[in-house]
Amino acid sequence: MWKMLRAEADYDSDNQITSEEWNETKKLDYDYFCQLAEEYFSSDDECALGNFISGRLDFKS
């Protein structure tokens, strides 16, 4: 999934994503970070913004 997001963000296909390409529409402040952290630990949706880097947590042994 990360490769797909990277391909969509890299408009000029130079394998480097600039801030203009990533489109910084929301600044990461403390409240937004807490929202993403809560989503990371409570969501099973692998496509959720809080989970897009590592996917959902799997607590199964």
C-alpha atoms as a PDB file:
ATOM      1  CA  MET A   1       0.000   0.000   0.000  1.00  0.00           C
ATOM      2  CA  TRP A   2       2.859   2.428   0.742  1.00  0.00           C
ATOM      3  CA  LYS A   3       4.168   1.967  -2.799  1.00  0.00           C
ATOM      4  CA  MET A   4       0.739   2.864  -4.169  1.00  0.00           C
ATOM      5  CA  LEU A   5       0.569   6.043  -2.061  1.00  0.00           C
ATOM      6  CA  ARG A   6       4.098   6.953  -3.080  1.00  0.00           C
ATOM      7  CA  ALA A   7       3.333   6.445  -6.782  1.00  0.00           C
ATOM      8  CA  GLU A   8       0.255   8.656  -6.500  1.00  0.00           C
ATOM      9  CA  ALA A   9       2.190  11.390  -4.686  1.00  0.00           C
ATOM     10  CA  ASP A  10       5.239  11.387  -6.983  1.00  0.00           C
ATOM     11  CA  TYR A  11       3.821  13.405  -9.881  1.00  0.00           C
ATOM     12  CA  ASP A  12       7.060  13.845 -11.825  1.00  0.00           C
ATOM     13  CA  SER A  13       8.190  10.202 -11.311  1.00  0.00           C
ATOM     14  CA  ASP A  14      11.643  11.094  -9.985  1.00  0.00           C
ATOM     15  CA  ASN A  15      11.323   8.807  -6.915  1.00  0.00           C
ATOM     16  CA  GLN A  16      11.400  11.843  -4.618  1.00  0.00           C
ATOM     17  CA  ILE A  17       8.287  13.269  -3.028  1.00  0.00           C
ATOM     18  CA  THR A  18       8.522  16.979  -2.325  1.00  0.00           C
ATOM     19  CA  SER A  19       6.251  18.792   0.103  1.00  0.00           C
ATOM     20  CA  GLU A  20       4.423  20.326  -2.846  1.00  0.00           C
ATOM     21  CA  GLU A  21       3.755  16.870  -4.287  1.00  0.00           C
ATOM     22  CA  TRP A  22       2.682  15.463  -0.924  1.00  0.00           C
ATOM     23  CA  ASN A  23       0.314  18.436  -0.593  1.00  0.00           C
ATOM     24  CA  GLU A  24       0.628  19.429   3.015  1.00  0.00           C
ATOM     25  CA  THR A  25      -3.025  20.210   3.610  1.00  0.00           C
ATOM     26  CA  LYS A  26      -3.005  19.643   7.364  1.00  0.00           C
ATOM     27  CA  LYS A  27      -0.237  20.509   9.783  1.00  0.00           C
ATOM     28  CA  LEU A  28       0.690  17.875  12.338  1.00  0.00           C
ATOM     29  CA  ASP A  29      -0.057  19.435  15.699  1.00  0.00           C
ATOM     30  CA  TYR A  30      -0.481  17.709  19.059  1.00  0.00           C
ATOM     31  CA  ASP A  31      -4.254  17.234  18.783  1.00  0.00           C
ATOM     32  CA  TYR A  32      -4.006  15.790  15.269  1.00  0.00           C
ATOM     33  CA  PHE A  33      -1.174  13.493  16.386  1.00  0.00           C
ATOM     34  CA  CYS A  34      -3.332  12.210  19.273  1.00  0.00           C
ATOM     35  CA  GLN A  35      -6.169  11.553  16.834  1.00  0.00           C
ATOM     36  CA  LEU A  36      -3.855   9.559  14.541  1.00  0.00           C
ATOM     37  CA  ALA A  37      -2.370   7.641  17.487  1.00  0.00           C
ATOM     38  CA  GLU A  38      -5.832   6.676  18.730  1.00  0.00           C
ATOM     39  CA  GLU A  39      -6.779   5.582  15.213  1.00  0.00           C
ATOM     40  CA  TYR A  40      -3.576   3.539  14.956  1.00  0.00           C
ATOM     41  CA  PHE A  41      -4.244   1.592  18.153  1.00  0.00           C
ATOM     42  CA  SER A  42      -8.005   1.142  17.730  1.00  0.00           C
ATOM     43  CA  SER A  43      -8.676   0.751  14.000  1.00  0.00           C
ATOM     44  CA  ASP A  44      -8.621  -2.480  12.014  1.00  0.00           C
ATOM     45  CA  ASP A  45      -8.774  -0.578   8.731  1.00  0.00           C
ATOM     46  CA  GLU A  46      -5.365  -0.859   7.038  1.00  0.00           C
ATOM     47  CA  CYS A  47      -6.238   2.096   4.793  1.00  0.00           C
ATOM     48  CA  ALA A  48      -6.984   4.440   7.694  1.00  0.00           C
ATOM     49  CA  LEU A  49      -4.667   7.416   7.837  1.00  0.00           C
ATOM     50  CA  GLY A  50      -3.300   6.424  11.243  1.00  0.00           C
ATOM     51  CA  ASN A  51      -2.365   2.979   9.894  1.00  0.00           C
ATOM     52  CA  PHE A  52      -1.059   3.723   6.416  1.00  0.00           C
ATOM     53  CA  ILE A  53       2.622   3.294   7.302  1.00  0.00           C
ATOM     54  CA  SER A  54       2.642  -0.046   9.079  1.00  0.00           C
ATOM     55  CA  GLY A  55      -0.854  -1.427   8.678  1.00  0.00           C
ATOM     56  CA  ARG A  56      -3.073  -2.609  11.500  1.00  0.00           C
ATOM     57  CA  LEU A  57      -1.670  -4.129  14.644  1.00  0.00           C
ATOM     58  CA  ASP A  58      -2.001  -7.889  14.901  1.00  0.00           C
ATOM     59  CA  PHE A  59      -2.167  -9.175  18.469  1.00  0.00           C
ATOM     60  CA  LYS A  60      -2.686 -12.810  17.481  1.00  0.00           C
ATOM     61  CA  SER A  61       0.031 -15.218  18.572  1.00  0.00           C
END
